[in-house]
Amino acid sequence: MTIRELQKKTDIWIKKYGVRYFDELTNLALLMEETGELARIMARKFGDQSFKMNEKDTMLEDELADILFVLVCIANQTGVDLNKAIQKNFKKKTSRDKYRHKANRKLKNSLK
């Protein structure tokens, strides 16, 4: 699925099952909530924390998908074409960081 298709499919789903988009601030709050859930899983799976006894090992991919869904909702309701936005963002990053990371000794030293 392309980014453009994802935006269209999300819009169709919202109109069919969600009635309407939540307002922008509500969706921002939901994005933060979902990001917190991802952070909890990352801390337990890859960090020093362990899962609590009553806490199941939630699926990482599900939390990432939740974040992507809310992000696409925000893009749709604010008129952002994510396909164009990510292409523009890659150009910016390439122009700004073309040599920066390759010259970073910290990154080079971590390869050893």
N, C-alpha and C. Protein backbone atom coordinates (compact mmCIF):
# COMPACT_ATOMS: atom_id res chain seq x y z
N MET A 1 0.84 -1.17 0.00
CA MET A 1 0.00 0.00 0.00
C MET A 1 0.90 1.24 0.00
N THR A 2 0.59 2.19 -0.86
CA THR A 2 1.35 3.43 -0.89
C THR A 2 0.86 4.36 0.23
N ILE A 3 1.62 5.41 0.48
CA ILE A 3 1.22 6.39 1.48
C ILE A 3 -0.10 7.04 1.06
N ARG A 4 -0.21 7.36 -0.21
CA ARG A 4 -1.44 7.98 -0.73
C ARG A 4 -2.63 7.05 -0.52
N GLU A 5 -2.44 5.77 -0.80
CA GLU A 5 -3.51 4.79 -0.59
C GLU A 5 -3.87 4.67 0.89
N LEU A 6 -2.86 4.73 1.76
CA LEU A 6 -3.10 4.67 3.20
C LEU A 6 -3.94 5.86 3.65
N GLN A 7 -3.63 7.03 3.15
CA GLN A 7 -4.41 8.21 3.52
C GLN A 7 -5.85 8.07 3.05
N LYS A 8 -6.05 7.58 1.84
CA LYS A 8 -7.41 7.41 1.31
C LYS A 8 -8.17 6.34 2.08
N LYS A 9 -7.52 5.21 2.34
CA LYS A 9 -8.16 4.11 3.07
C LYS A 9 -8.54 4.56 4.48
N THR A 10 -7.68 5.32 5.12
CA THR A 10 -7.97 5.84 6.46
C THR A 10 -9.17 6.76 6.42
N ASP A 11 -9.23 7.63 5.42
CA ASP A 11 -10.36 8.56 5.28
C ASP A 11 -11.67 7.79 5.09
N ILE A 12 -11.63 6.77 4.26
CA ILE A 12 -12.83 5.95 4.03
C ILE A 12 -13.25 5.26 5.33
N TRP A 13 -12.29 4.71 6.06
CA TRP A 13 -12.60 4.02 7.31
C TRP A 13 -13.22 4.98 8.32
N ILE A 14 -12.63 6.15 8.46
CA ILE A 14 -13.15 7.14 9.41
C ILE A 14 -14.60 7.48 9.07
N LYS A 15 -14.88 7.72 7.82
CA LYS A 15 -16.24 8.11 7.41
C LYS A 15 -17.23 6.96 7.54
N LYS A 16 -16.76 5.73 7.38
CA LYS A 16 -17.65 4.57 7.47
C LYS A 16 -17.87 4.11 8.91
N TYR A 17 -16.80 4.06 9.70
CA TYR A 17 -16.89 3.49 11.04
C TYR A 17 -16.69 4.50 12.17
N GLY A 18 -15.96 5.54 11.90
CA GLY A 18 -15.63 6.49 12.96
C GLY A 18 -16.54 7.70 13.00
N VAL A 19 -17.49 7.78 12.10
CA VAL A 19 -18.44 8.88 11.96
C VAL A 19 -17.75 10.13 11.41
N ARG A 20 -16.73 10.62 12.15
CA ARG A 20 -15.95 11.79 11.71
C ARG A 20 -14.60 11.74 12.42
N TYR A 21 -13.70 12.57 11.95
CA TYR A 21 -12.40 12.69 12.63
C TYR A 21 -12.61 13.35 13.98
N PHE A 22 -11.86 12.91 14.99
CA PHE A 22 -11.79 13.66 16.24
C PHE A 22 -11.15 15.00 15.90
N ASP A 23 -11.35 16.02 16.72
CA ASP A 23 -10.70 17.29 16.43
C ASP A 23 -9.18 17.13 16.54
N GLU A 24 -8.47 18.08 15.98
CA GLU A 24 -7.01 18.00 15.87
C GLU A 24 -6.32 17.85 17.23
N LEU A 25 -6.80 18.57 18.23
CA LEU A 25 -6.16 18.47 19.55
C LEU A 25 -6.41 17.11 20.19
N THR A 26 -7.60 16.56 19.99
CA THR A 26 -7.88 15.21 20.50
C THR A 26 -6.96 14.20 19.82
N ASN A 27 -6.81 14.33 18.51
CA ASN A 27 -5.92 13.40 17.81
C ASN A 27 -4.47 13.57 18.24
N LEU A 28 -4.06 14.79 18.53
CA LEU A 28 -2.71 14.99 19.05
C LEU A 28 -2.55 14.29 20.40
N ALA A 29 -3.56 14.40 21.25
CA ALA A 29 -3.51 13.72 22.54
C ALA A 29 -3.47 12.20 22.35
N LEU A 30 -4.24 11.69 21.39
CA LEU A 30 -4.21 10.25 21.11
C LEU A 30 -2.84 9.82 20.59
N LEU A 31 -2.22 10.65 19.77
CA LEU A 31 -0.88 10.35 19.27
C LEU A 31 0.11 10.24 20.42
N MET A 32 0.01 11.15 21.37
CA MET A 32 0.90 11.11 22.54
C MET A 32 0.62 9.86 23.38
N GLU A 33 -0.65 9.51 23.52
CA GLU A 33 -1.03 8.32 24.29
C GLU A 33 -0.45 7.06 23.63
N GLU A 34 -0.62 6.95 22.32
CA GLU A 34 -0.10 5.78 21.61
C GLU A 34 1.42 5.74 21.66
N THR A 35 2.06 6.90 21.59
CA THR A 35 3.52 6.96 21.68
C THR A 35 3.99 6.50 23.06
N GLY A 36 3.24 6.85 24.09
CA GLY A 36 3.55 6.38 25.44
C GLY A 36 3.45 4.86 25.55
N GLU A 37 2.44 4.30 24.91
CA GLU A 37 2.28 2.84 24.92
C GLU A 37 3.45 2.17 24.21
N LEU A 38 3.90 2.76 23.11
CA LEU A 38 5.08 2.24 22.41
C LEU A 38 6.31 2.34 23.30
N ALA A 39 6.47 3.47 23.98
CA ALA A 39 7.62 3.65 24.86
C ALA A 39 7.64 2.60 25.96
N ARG A 40 6.48 2.28 26.52
CA ARG A 40 6.40 1.27 27.57
C ARG A 40 6.87 -0.09 27.03
N ILE A 41 6.41 -0.46 25.85
CA ILE A 41 6.81 -1.74 25.26
C ILE A 41 8.30 -1.76 24.97
N MET A 42 8.81 -0.68 24.40
CA MET A 42 10.24 -0.61 24.08
C MET A 42 11.08 -0.73 25.33
N ALA A 43 10.68 -0.06 26.41
CA ALA A 43 11.43 -0.12 27.67
C ALA A 43 11.44 -1.53 28.25
N ARG A 44 10.36 -2.26 28.04
CA ARG A 44 10.28 -3.61 28.58
C ARG A 44 10.93 -4.65 27.68
N LYS A 45 10.79 -4.49 26.37
CA LYS A 45 11.37 -5.46 25.43
C LYS A 45 12.86 -5.26 25.23
N PHE A 46 13.28 -3.99 25.13
CA PHE A 46 14.67 -3.72 24.76
C PHE A 46 15.45 -2.99 25.84
N GLY A 47 14.77 -2.48 26.83
CA GLY A 47 15.43 -1.75 27.91
C GLY A 47 15.57 -2.62 29.15
N ASP A 48 15.78 -1.96 30.25
CA ASP A 48 16.04 -2.65 31.51
C ASP A 48 14.78 -3.07 32.25
N GLN A 49 13.63 -2.53 31.88
CA GLN A 49 12.40 -2.89 32.58
C GLN A 49 11.90 -4.26 32.15
N SER A 50 11.13 -4.89 33.03
CA SER A 50 10.50 -6.17 32.69
C SER A 50 8.99 -5.96 32.70
N PHE A 51 8.30 -6.88 32.04
CA PHE A 51 6.85 -6.81 32.03
C PHE A 51 6.31 -7.12 33.42
N LYS A 52 5.24 -6.45 33.82
CA LYS A 52 4.58 -6.74 35.09
C LYS A 52 3.84 -8.06 34.97
N MET A 53 3.53 -8.67 36.10
CA MET A 53 2.88 -9.99 36.08
C MET A 53 1.57 -9.99 35.30
N ASN A 54 0.77 -8.95 35.48
CA ASN A 54 -0.53 -8.89 34.81
C ASN A 54 -0.47 -8.21 33.44
N GLU A 55 0.73 -7.89 33.00
CA GLU A 55 0.92 -7.18 31.75
C GLU A 55 1.38 -8.17 30.68
N LYS A 56 0.64 -8.25 29.61
CA LYS A 56 1.04 -9.16 28.54
C LYS A 56 2.05 -8.47 27.64
N ASP A 57 2.81 -9.25 26.95
CA ASP A 57 3.80 -8.75 26.01
C ASP A 57 3.06 -8.25 24.78
N THR A 58 2.64 -7.00 24.82
CA THR A 58 1.87 -6.41 23.73
C THR A 58 2.70 -6.38 22.45
N MET A 59 2.03 -6.48 21.36
CA MET A 59 2.70 -6.54 20.08
C MET A 59 3.24 -5.17 19.65
N LEU A 60 4.51 -5.11 19.43
CA LEU A 60 5.18 -3.88 19.00
C LEU A 60 4.57 -3.35 17.71
N GLU A 61 4.33 -4.24 16.76
CA GLU A 61 3.81 -3.80 15.47
C GLU A 61 2.42 -3.18 15.58
N ASP A 62 1.62 -3.65 16.53
CA ASP A 62 0.29 -3.09 16.73
C ASP A 62 0.38 -1.65 17.23
N GLU A 63 1.30 -1.39 18.15
CA GLU A 63 1.46 -0.03 18.67
C GLU A 63 2.00 0.91 17.59
N LEU A 64 2.94 0.42 16.79
CA LEU A 64 3.44 1.23 15.68
C LEU A 64 2.33 1.56 14.69
N ALA A 65 1.48 0.57 14.41
CA ALA A 65 0.35 0.79 13.51
C ALA A 65 -0.65 1.79 14.09
N ASP A 66 -0.88 1.73 15.40
CA ASP A 66 -1.77 2.71 16.05
C ASP A 66 -1.23 4.12 15.87
N ILE A 67 0.07 4.29 16.04
CA ILE A 67 0.69 5.60 15.88
C ILE A 67 0.55 6.09 14.44
N LEU A 68 0.82 5.20 13.50
CA LEU A 68 0.72 5.56 12.09
C LEU A 68 -0.72 5.95 11.73
N PHE A 69 -1.69 5.21 12.25
CA PHE A 69 -3.10 5.51 11.97
C PHE A 69 -3.46 6.91 12.45
N VAL A 70 -3.11 7.24 13.68
CA VAL A 70 -3.46 8.56 14.22
C VAL A 70 -2.70 9.64 13.46
N LEU A 71 -1.45 9.39 13.12
CA LEU A 71 -0.67 10.36 12.36
C LEU A 71 -1.32 10.63 10.99
N VAL A 72 -1.78 9.58 10.35
CA VAL A 72 -2.46 9.74 9.06
C VAL A 72 -3.77 10.51 9.24
N CYS A 73 -4.48 10.24 10.32
CA CYS A 73 -5.71 11.01 10.60
C CYS A 73 -5.40 12.49 10.70
N ILE A 74 -4.35 12.83 11.44
CA ILE A 74 -3.97 14.24 11.59
C ILE A 74 -3.60 14.84 10.23
N ALA A 75 -2.86 14.11 9.43
CA ALA A 75 -2.49 14.60 8.10
C ALA A 75 -3.74 14.83 7.25
N ASN A 76 -4.66 13.87 7.27
CA ASN A 76 -5.87 14.00 6.47
C ASN A 76 -6.69 15.22 6.87
N GLN A 77 -6.88 15.39 8.15
CA GLN A 77 -7.76 16.46 8.59
C GLN A 77 -7.13 17.84 8.49
N THR A 78 -5.80 17.89 8.34
CA THR A 78 -5.13 19.18 8.19
C THR A 78 -4.68 19.43 6.75
N GLY A 79 -5.03 18.52 5.85
CA GLY A 79 -4.74 18.71 4.43
C GLY A 79 -3.30 18.46 4.02
N VAL A 80 -2.59 17.64 4.79
CA VAL A 80 -1.19 17.33 4.46
C VAL A 80 -1.14 16.08 3.59
N ASP A 81 -0.51 16.19 2.44
CA ASP A 81 -0.25 15.06 1.56
C ASP A 81 1.06 14.44 2.05
N LEU A 82 0.97 13.33 2.77
CA LEU A 82 2.16 12.72 3.37
C LEU A 82 3.17 12.25 2.32
N ASN A 83 2.69 11.85 1.16
CA ASN A 83 3.59 11.42 0.10
C ASN A 83 4.51 12.58 -0.31
N LYS A 84 3.92 13.75 -0.56
CA LYS A 84 4.71 14.93 -0.91
C LYS A 84 5.58 15.37 0.27
N ALA A 85 5.01 15.31 1.46
CA ALA A 85 5.73 15.77 2.65
C ALA A 85 6.98 14.93 2.91
N ILE A 86 6.88 13.60 2.76
CA ILE A 86 8.04 12.75 3.04
C ILE A 86 9.11 12.91 1.96
N GLN A 87 8.68 13.11 0.72
CA GLN A 87 9.65 13.35 -0.35
C GLN A 87 10.42 14.65 -0.09
N LYS A 88 9.70 15.68 0.29
CA LYS A 88 10.33 16.97 0.62
C LYS A 88 11.25 16.82 1.83
N ASN A 89 10.83 16.01 2.81
CA ASN A 89 11.61 15.82 4.02
C ASN A 89 12.92 15.08 3.72
N PHE A 90 12.87 14.07 2.83
CA PHE A 90 14.09 13.36 2.44
C PHE A 90 15.08 14.30 1.75
N LYS A 91 14.56 15.18 0.90
CA LYS A 91 15.44 16.15 0.22
C LYS A 91 16.11 17.04 1.25
N LYS A 92 15.34 17.51 2.23
CA LYS A 92 15.89 18.37 3.28
C LYS A 92 16.96 17.63 4.07
N LYS A 93 16.65 16.40 4.48
CA LYS A 93 17.61 15.62 5.26
C LYS A 93 18.88 15.34 4.47
N THR A 94 18.73 15.01 3.20
CA THR A 94 19.88 14.70 2.36
C THR A 94 20.76 15.93 2.19
N SER A 95 20.15 17.05 1.92
CA SER A 95 20.90 18.29 1.76
C SER A 95 21.62 18.66 3.05
N ARG A 96 20.95 18.54 4.17
CA ARG A 96 21.50 18.95 5.46
C ARG A 96 22.49 17.94 6.02
N ASP A 97 22.22 16.65 5.84
CA ASP A 97 22.97 15.62 6.55
C ASP A 97 23.79 14.70 5.65
N LYS A 98 24.00 15.09 4.41
CA LYS A 98 24.69 14.23 3.45
C LYS A 98 26.01 13.69 3.99
N TYR A 99 26.76 14.54 4.67
CA TYR A 99 28.08 14.13 5.19
C TYR A 99 28.12 14.07 6.71
N ARG A 100 27.16 14.68 7.34
CA ARG A 100 27.17 14.84 8.79
C ARG A 100 27.30 13.52 9.55
N HIS A 101 26.47 12.55 9.25
CA HIS A 101 26.48 11.29 10.01
C HIS A 101 27.71 10.44 9.69
N LYS A 102 28.15 10.50 8.44
CA LYS A 102 29.35 9.75 8.07
C LYS A 102 30.59 10.30 8.77
N ALA A 103 30.56 11.58 9.11
CA ALA A 103 31.70 12.21 9.79
C ALA A 103 31.60 12.09 11.31
N ASN A 104 30.52 11.55 11.80
CA ASN A 104 30.29 11.44 13.25
C ASN A 104 31.12 10.29 13.82
N ARG A 105 32.13 10.61 14.58
CA ARG A 105 33.02 9.59 15.17
C ARG A 105 32.27 8.66 16.10
N LYS A 106 31.26 9.18 16.77
CA LYS A 106 30.48 8.34 17.69
C LYS A 106 29.81 7.19 16.93
N LEU A 107 29.30 7.49 15.74
CA LEU A 107 28.65 6.44 14.95
C LEU A 107 29.68 5.46 14.41
N LYS A 108 30.80 5.97 13.94
CA LYS A 108 31.86 5.11 13.41
C LYS A 108 32.41 4.18 14.48
N ASN A 109 32.62 4.71 15.68
CA ASN A 109 33.17 3.91 16.78
C ASN A 109 32.22 2.81 17.22
N SER A 110 30.92 3.01 17.02
CA SER A 110 29.96 1.99 17.46
C SER A 110 29.93 0.80 16.52
N LEU A 111 30.55 0.88 15.37
CA LEU A 111 30.58 -0.23 14.42
C LEU A 111 31.61 -1.28 14.79
N LYS A 112 32.51 -0.93 15.68
CA LYS A 112 33.59 -1.86 16.04
C LYS A 112 33.15 -2.92 16.99
